[in-house]
Each structure stands twice: as C-alpha cells, then as structure tokens.
PDB file of N, CA and C in Angstrom:
ATOM      1  N   MET A   1     -93.320 158.995   1.365  1.00  0.00           N
ATOM      2  CA  MET A   1     -93.580 160.372   0.995  1.00  0.00           C
ATOM      3  C   MET A   1     -94.722 160.967   1.820  1.00  0.00           C
ATOM      4  N   GLY A   2     -95.702 160.157   2.211  1.00  0.00           N
ATOM      5  CA  GLY A   2     -96.835 160.668   2.968  1.00  0.00           C
ATOM      6  C   GLY A   2     -96.589 160.755   4.459  1.00  0.00           C
ATOM      7  N   ALA A   3     -95.641 160.017   4.985  1.00  0.00           N
ATOM      8  CA  ALA A   3     -95.389 159.998   6.422  1.00  0.00           C
ATOM      9  C   ALA A   3     -94.452 161.142   6.812  1.00  0.00           C
ATOM     10  N   PRO A   4     -94.695 161.766   7.979  1.00  0.00           N
ATOM     11  CA  PRO A   4     -93.791 162.824   8.429  1.00  0.00           C
ATOM     12  C   PRO A   4     -92.472 162.230   8.882  1.00  0.00           C
ATOM     13  N   PRO A   5     -91.432 163.021   8.917  1.00  0.00           N
ATOM     14  CA  PRO A   5     -90.150 162.521   9.416  1.00  0.00           C
ATOM     15  C   PRO A   5     -90.292 162.004  10.852  1.00  0.00           C
ATOM     16  N   ALA A   6     -89.484 161.026  11.196  1.00  0.00           N
ATOM     17  CA  ALA A   6     -89.582 160.379  12.502  1.00  0.00           C
ATOM     18  C   ALA A   6     -89.348 161.364  13.641  1.00  0.00           C
ATOM     19  N   ALA A   7     -88.478 162.335  13.467  1.00  0.00           N
ATOM     20  CA  ALA A   7     -88.172 163.284  14.542  1.00  0.00           C
ATOM     21  C   ALA A   7     -89.392 164.136  14.887  1.00  0.00           C
ATOM     22  N   SER A   8     -90.152 164.590  13.892  1.00  0.00           N
ATOM     23  CA  SER A   8     -91.318 165.424  14.173  1.00  0.00           C
ATOM     24  C   SER A   8     -92.429 164.595  14.806  1.00  0.00           C
ATOM     25  N   TYR A   9     -92.539 163.326  14.419  1.00  0.00           N
ATOM     26  CA  TYR A   9     -93.548 162.459  15.005  1.00  0.00           C
ATOM     27  C   TYR A   9     -93.236 162.238  16.494  1.00  0.00           C
ATOM     28  N   ASN A  10     -91.986 161.988  16.809  1.00  0.00           N
ATOM     29  CA  ASN A  10     -91.595 161.783  18.204  1.00  0.00           C
ATOM     30  C   ASN A  10     -91.867 163.032  19.033  1.00  0.00           C
ATOM     31  N   ARG A  11     -91.555 164.185  18.486  1.00  0.00           N
ATOM     32  CA  ARG A  11     -91.763 165.440  19.206  1.00  0.00           C
ATOM     33  C   ARG A  11     -93.256 165.683  19.451  1.00  0.00           C
ATOM     34  N   SER A  12     -94.055 165.410  18.425  1.00  0.00           N
ATOM     35  CA  SER A  12     -95.495 165.595  18.566  1.00  0.00           C
ATOM     36  C   SER A  12     -96.073 164.663  19.627  1.00  0.00           C
ATOM     37  N   MET A  13     -95.621 163.436  19.642  1.00  0.00           N
ATOM     38  CA  MET A  13     -96.113 162.476  20.622  1.00  0.00           C
ATOM     39  C   MET A  13     -95.684 162.874  22.038  1.00  0.00           C
ATOM     40  N   LYS A  14     -94.473 163.394  22.190  1.00  0.00           N
ATOM     41  CA  LYS A  14     -94.013 163.824  23.511  1.00  0.00           C
ATOM     42  C   LYS A  14     -94.875 164.972  24.032  1.00  0.00           C
ATOM     43  N   ILE A  15     -95.207 165.901  23.141  1.00  0.00           N
ATOM     44  CA  ILE A  15     -96.046 167.033  23.540  1.00  0.00           C
ATOM     45  C   ILE A  15     -97.426 166.539  23.943  1.00  0.00           C
ATOM     46  N   LEU A  16     -97.987 165.613  23.176  1.00  0.00           N
ATOM     47  CA  LEU A  16     -99.308 165.070  23.483  1.00  0.00           C
ATOM     48  C   LEU A  16     -99.294 164.336  24.821  1.00  0.00           C
ATOM     49  N   VAL A  17     -98.300 163.516  25.046  1.00  0.00           N
ATOM     50  CA  VAL A  17     -98.211 162.757  26.297  1.00  0.00           C
ATOM     51  C   VAL A  17     -98.045 163.697  27.481  1.00  0.00           C
ATOM     52  N   ARG A  18     -97.236 164.726  27.343  1.00  0.00           N
ATOM     53  CA  ARG A  18     -97.058 165.692  28.434  1.00  0.00           C
ATOM     54  C   ARG A  18     -98.366 166.419  28.732  1.00  0.00           C
ATOM     55  N   ALA A  19     -99.118 166.769  27.691  1.00  0.00           N
ATOM     56  CA  ALA A  19    -100.395 167.462  27.886  1.00  0.00           C
ATOM     57  C   ALA A  19    -101.392 166.564  28.616  1.00  0.00           C
ATOM     58  N   VAL A  20    -101.446 165.295  28.233  1.00  0.00           N
ATOM     59  CA  VAL A  20    -102.372 164.367  28.885  1.00  0.00           C
ATOM     60  C   VAL A  20    -101.991 164.170  30.345  1.00  0.00           C
ATOM     61  N   ILE A  21    -100.714 163.975  30.611  1.00  0.00           N
ATOM     62  CA  ILE A  21    -100.254 163.771  31.990  1.00  0.00           C
ATOM     63  C   ILE A  21    -100.495 165.022  32.822  1.00  0.00           C
ATOM     64  N   SER A  22    -100.246 166.201  32.249  1.00  0.00           N
ATOM     65  CA  SER A  22    -100.476 167.448  32.987  1.00  0.00           C
ATOM     66  C   SER A  22    -101.957 167.616  33.310  1.00  0.00           C
ATOM     67  N   GLY A  23    -102.813 167.339  32.343  1.00  0.00           N
ATOM     68  CA  GLY A  23    -104.255 167.446  32.574  1.00  0.00           C
ATOM     69  C   GLY A  23    -104.727 166.493  33.646  1.00  0.00           C
ATOM     70  N   PHE A  24    -104.225 165.273  33.613  1.00  0.00           N
ATOM     71  CA  PHE A  24    -104.594 164.290  34.633  1.00  0.00           C
ATOM     72  C   PHE A  24    -104.114 164.738  36.011  1.00  0.00           C
ATOM     73  N   GLY A  25    -102.904 165.250  36.079  1.00  0.00           N
ATOM     74  CA  GLY A  25    -102.361 165.708  37.352  1.00  0.00           C
ATOM     75  C   GLY A  25    -103.141 166.885  37.912  1.00  0.00           C
ATOM     76  N   MET A  26    -103.531 167.816  37.057  1.00  0.00           N
ATOM     77  CA  MET A  26    -104.299 168.972  37.519  1.00  0.00           C
ATOM     78  C   MET A  26    -105.684 168.545  38.001  1.00  0.00           C
ATOM     79  N   SER A  27    -106.297 167.606  37.298  1.00  0.00           N
ATOM     80  CA  SER A  27    -107.606 167.110  37.694  1.00  0.00           C
ATOM     81  C   SER A  27    -107.530 166.384  39.033  1.00  0.00           C
ATOM     82  N   LEU A  28    -106.520 165.572  39.199  1.00  0.00           N
ATOM     83  CA  LEU A  28    -106.333 164.848  40.453  1.00  0.00           C
ATOM     84  C   LEU A  28    -106.061 165.818  41.601  1.00  0.00           C
ATOM     85  N   GLY A  29    -105.244 166.825  41.357  1.00  0.00           N
ATOM     86  CA  GLY A  29    -104.955 167.831  42.377  1.00  0.00           C
ATOM     87  C   GLY A  29    -106.196 168.606  42.792  1.00  0.00           C
ATOM     88  N   ALA A  30    -107.040 168.955  41.830  1.00  0.00           N
ATOM     89  CA  ALA A  30    -108.269 169.682  42.147  1.00  0.00           C
ATOM     90  C   ALA A  30    -109.215 168.818  42.976  1.00  0.00           C
ATOM     91  N   ALA A  31    -109.303 167.536  42.629  1.00  0.00           N
ATOM     92  CA  ALA A  31    -110.167 166.633  43.387  1.00  0.00           C
ATOM     93  C   ALA A  31    -109.663 166.471  44.825  1.00  0.00           C
ATOM     94  N   LEU A  32    -108.357 166.336  44.979  1.00  0.00           N
ATOM     95  CA  LEU A  32    -107.793 166.215  46.321  1.00  0.00           C
ATOM     96  C   LEU A  32    -108.010 167.495  47.130  1.00  0.00           C
ATOM     97  N   PHE A  33    -107.858 168.639  46.496  1.00  0.00           N
ATOM     98  CA  PHE A  33    -108.061 169.909  47.192  1.00  0.00           C
ATOM     99  C   PHE A  33    -109.500 170.020  47.685  1.00  0.00           C
ATOM    100  N   ARG A  34    -110.470 169.635  46.840  1.00  0.00           N
ATOM    101  CA  ARG A  34    -111.869 169.703  47.264  1.00  0.00           C
ATOM    102  C   ARG A  34    -112.127 168.803  48.469  1.00  0.00           C
ATOM    103  N   LYS A  35    -111.509 167.629  48.501  1.00  0.00           N
ATOM    104  CA  LYS A  35    -111.685 166.698  49.622  1.00  0.00           C
ATOM    105  C   LYS A  35    -111.079 167.260  50.909  1.00  0.00           C
ATOM    106  N   VAL A  36    -109.906 167.848  50.803  1.00  0.00           N
ATOM    107  CA  VAL A  36    -109.157 168.266  51.980  1.00  0.00           C
ATOM    108  C   VAL A  36    -109.541 169.669  52.445  1.00  0.00           C
ATOM    109  N   SER A  37    -110.079 170.499  51.575  1.00  0.00           N
ATOM    110  CA  SER A  37    -110.325 171.906  51.921  1.00  0.00           C
ATOM    111  C   SER A  37    -111.287 172.058  53.088  1.00  0.00           C
ATOM    112  N   ASP A  38    -112.275 171.185  53.198  1.00  0.00           N
ATOM    113  CA  ASP A  38    -113.204 171.274  54.330  1.00  0.00           C
ATOM    114  C   ASP A  38    -112.491 170.996  55.645  1.00  0.00           C
ATOM    115  N   LYS A  39    -111.621 170.002  55.642  1.00  0.00           N
ATOM    116  CA  LYS A  39    -110.930 169.627  56.872  1.00  0.00           C
ATOM    117  C   LYS A  39    -109.919 170.680  57.305  1.00  0.00           C
ATOM    118  N   LEU A  40    -109.320 171.383  56.352  1.00  0.00           N
ATOM    119  CA  LEU A  40    -108.302 172.381  56.667  1.00  0.00           C
ATOM    120  C   LEU A  40    -108.871 173.780  56.841  1.00  0.00           C
ATOM    121  N   GLY A  41    -110.158 173.944  56.576  1.00  0.00           N
ATOM    122  CA  GLY A  41    -110.781 175.252  56.706  1.00  0.00           C
ATOM    123  C   GLY A  41    -110.427 176.195  55.573  1.00  0.00           C
ATOM    124  N   LEU A  42    -110.222 175.655  54.395  1.00  0.00           N
ATOM    125  CA  LEU A  42    -109.862 176.483  53.244  1.00  0.00           C
ATOM    126  C   LEU A  42    -111.072 176.828  52.383  1.00  0.00           C
ATOM    127  N   ASN A  43    -112.257 176.673  52.928  1.00  0.00           N
ATOM    128  CA  ASN A  43    -113.476 176.957  52.161  1.00  0.00           C
ATOM    129  C   ASN A  43    -113.526 178.429  51.808  1.00  0.00           C
ATOM    130  N   ASP A  44    -114.048 178.702  50.645  1.00  0.00           N
ATOM    131  CA  ASP A  44    -114.253 180.080  50.231  1.00  0.00           C
ATOM    132  C   ASP A  44    -115.701 180.438  50.556  1.00  0.00           C
ATOM    133  N   ASP A  45    -115.905 181.396  51.447  1.00  0.00           N
ATOM    134  CA  ASP A  45    -117.258 181.744  51.873  1.00  0.00           C
ATOM    135  C   ASP A  45    -118.098 182.269  50.717  1.00  0.00           C
ATOM    136  N   LYS A  46    -117.473 182.881  49.741  1.00  0.00           N
ATOM    137  CA  LYS A  46    -118.209 183.386  48.581  1.00  0.00           C
ATOM    138  C   LYS A  46    -118.865 182.243  47.824  1.00  0.00           C
ATOM    139  N   GLN A  47    -118.162 181.151  47.651  1.00  0.00           N
ATOM    140  CA  GLN A  47    -118.730 180.005  46.938  1.00  0.00           C
ATOM    141  C   GLN A  47    -119.862 179.385  47.745  1.00  0.00           C
ATOM    142  N   ALA A  48    -119.710 179.306  49.048  1.00  0.00           N
ATOM    143  CA  ALA A  48    -120.755 178.718  49.884  1.00  0.00           C
ATOM    144  C   ALA A  48    -122.021 179.567  49.824  1.00  0.00           C
ATOM    145  N   SER A  49    -121.878 180.891  49.844  1.00  0.00           N
ATOM    146  CA  SER A  49    -123.060 181.745  49.785  1.00  0.00           C
ATOM    147  C   SER A  49    -123.674 181.743  48.390  1.00  0.00           C
ATOM    148  N   ALA A  50    -122.875 181.548  47.370  1.00  0.00           N
ATOM    149  CA  ALA A  50    -123.417 181.506  46.011  1.00  0.00           C
ATOM    150  C   ALA A  50    -124.294 180.279  45.820  1.00  0.00           C
ATOM    151  N   ARG A  51    -123.957 179.176  46.471  1.00  0.00           N
ATOM    152  CA  ARG A  51    -124.782 177.970  46.358  1.00  0.00           C
ATOM    153  C   ARG A  51    -126.134 178.171  47.022  1.00  0.00           C
ATOM    154  N   ASP A  52    -126.158 178.945  48.112  1.00  0.00           N
ATOM    155  CA  ASP A  52    -127.394 179.156  48.858  1.00  0.00           C
ATOM    156  C   ASP A  52    -128.217 180.319  48.316  1.00  0.00           C
ATOM    157  N   GLU A  53    -127.695 181.012  47.328  1.00  0.00           N
ATOM    158  CA  GLU A  53    -128.370 182.185  46.790  1.00  0.00           C
ATOM    159  C   GLU A  53    -129.714 181.796  46.185  1.00  0.00           C
ATOM    160  N   ILE A  54    -130.719 182.620  46.410  1.00  0.00           N
ATOM    161  CA  ILE A  54    -132.043 182.362  45.850  1.00  0.00           C
ATOM    162  C   ILE A  54    -132.065 182.888  44.427  1.00  0.00           C
ATOM    163  N   ARG A  55    -132.415 182.030  43.516  1.00  0.00           N
ATOM    164  CA  ARG A  55    -132.464 182.403  42.105  1.00  0.00           C
ATOM    165  C   ARG A  55    -133.854 182.963  41.774  1.00  0.00           C
ATOM    166  N   PRO A  56    -133.940 183.987  40.917  1.00  0.00           N
ATOM    167  CA  PRO A  56    -135.243 184.536  40.539  1.00  0.00           C
ATOM    168  C   PRO A  56    -136.006 183.565  39.639  1.00  0.00           C
ATOM    169  N   ASP A  57    -137.319 183.686  39.664  1.00  0.00           N
ATOM    170  CA  ASP A  57    -138.171 182.851  38.835  1.00  0.00           C
ATOM    171  C   ASP A  57    -138.021 183.295  37.382  1.00  0.00           C
ATOM    172  N   PRO A  58    -137.653 182.392  36.468  1.00  0.00           N
ATOM    173  CA  PRO A  58    -137.432 182.786  35.075  1.00  0.00           C
ATOM    174  C   PRO A  58    -138.675 183.351  34.396  1.00  0.00           C
ATOM    175  N   SER A  59    -139.856 182.972  34.856  1.00  0.00           N
ATOM    176  CA  SER A  59    -141.072 183.467  34.221  1.00  0.00           C
ATOM    177  C   SER A  59    -141.337 184.935  34.554  1.00  0.00           C
ATOM    178  N   THR A  60    -140.744 185.450  35.635  1.00  0.00           N
ATOM    179  CA  THR A  60    -140.968 186.842  36.012  1.00  0.00           C
ATOM    180  C   THR A  60    -139.865 187.776  35.542  1.00  0.00           C
ATOM    181  N   VAL A  61    -138.774 187.219  35.019  1.00  0.00           N
ATOM    182  CA  VAL A  61    -137.655 188.040  34.572  1.00  0.00           C
ATOM    183  C   VAL A  61    -137.884 188.433  33.112  1.00  0.00           C
ATOM    184  N   THR A  62    -137.757 189.741  32.845  1.00  0.00           N
ATOM    185  CA  THR A  62    -137.916 190.196  31.460  1.00  0.00           C
ATOM    186  C   THR A  62    -136.569 190.172  30.763  1.00  0.00           C
ATOM    187  N   SER A  63    -136.585 189.863  29.487  1.00  0.00           N
ATOM    188  CA  SER A  63    -135.338 189.814  28.746  1.00  0.00           C
ATOM    189  C   SER A  63    -134.907 191.174  28.255  1.00  0.00           C
ATOM    190  N   ARG A  64    -135.864 192.091  28.040  1.00  0.00           N
ATOM    191  CA  ARG A  64    -135.535 193.443  27.595  1.00  0.00           C
ATOM    192  C   ARG A  64    -136.093 194.450  28.568  1.00  0.00           C
ATOM    193  N   PRO A  65    -135.355 195.514  28.842  1.00  0.00           N
ATOM    194  CA  PRO A  65    -135.897 196.544  29.733  1.00  0.00           C
ATOM    195  C   PRO A  65    -136.997 197.322  29.022  1.00  0.00           C
ATOM    196  N   GLU A  66    -137.915 197.827  29.812  1.00  0.00           N
ATOM    197  CA  GLU A  66    -139.006 198.631  29.267  1.00  0.00           C
ATOM    198  C   GLU A  66    -138.453 199.944  28.716  1.00  0.00           C
ATOM    199  N   PRO A  67    -138.903 200.387  27.562  1.00  0.00           N
ATOM    200  CA  PRO A  67    -138.418 201.664  27.019  1.00  0.00           C
ATOM    201  C   PRO A  67    -138.887 202.829  27.879  1.00  0.00           C
ATOM    202  N   GLU A  68    -138.017 203.816  28.026  1.00  0.00           N
ATOM    203  CA  GLU A  68    -138.355 204.983  28.834  1.00  0.00           C
ATOM    204  C   GLU A  68    -139.210 205.955  28.027  1.00  0.00           C
ATOM    205  N   GLY A  69    -140.109 206.663  28.712  1.00  0.00           N
ATOM    206  CA  GLY A  69    -140.907 207.685  28.070  1.00  0.00           C
ATOM    207  C   GLY A  69    -142.126 207.143  27.334  1.00  0.00           C
ATOM    208  N   VAL A  70    -142.563 205.955  27.652  1.00  0.00           N
ATOM    209  CA  VAL A  70    -143.753 205.394  26.978  1.00  0.00           C
ATOM    210  C   VAL A  70    -144.982 205.706  27.747  1.00  0.00           C
TER     211      VAL A  70
END
C-alpha cells in the first residue's frame, strides 16, 4: 500500500537517469570547449577584458547615493 506502482517508479528512475547523464554530458562539453577554444581562436574578447577590469575599492564605494538639495 505504501509503495508506488512499478510503472511510475520505472518512469521516475528513467527521468532521473536521463537528467544525470545530460548534466554530465553538458559539463564535459563545456570543459572540452574551454580547452579547445584557445587553440581555435574562439575566445570572447569581452570575457578576457572583464577579467582584466580594475575593480573599485569597496571602502570608497557608497551604498546609498547622497540626497539632492542638502
């Protein structure tokens, strides 16, 4: 009485297995792309410049703008 029917259990397991395999495949594909992109010249210049961007000093950045008319 507490166990689900066998057909729904099989379907649920198939969905779970497909999701795990798809996730693994996408992760592997992304890793391979990162390795090969430099050799093929597929680098995105925007990402390269974002890494070199100078970040502001957090101690000098204000969290709220100054009110106008003070």
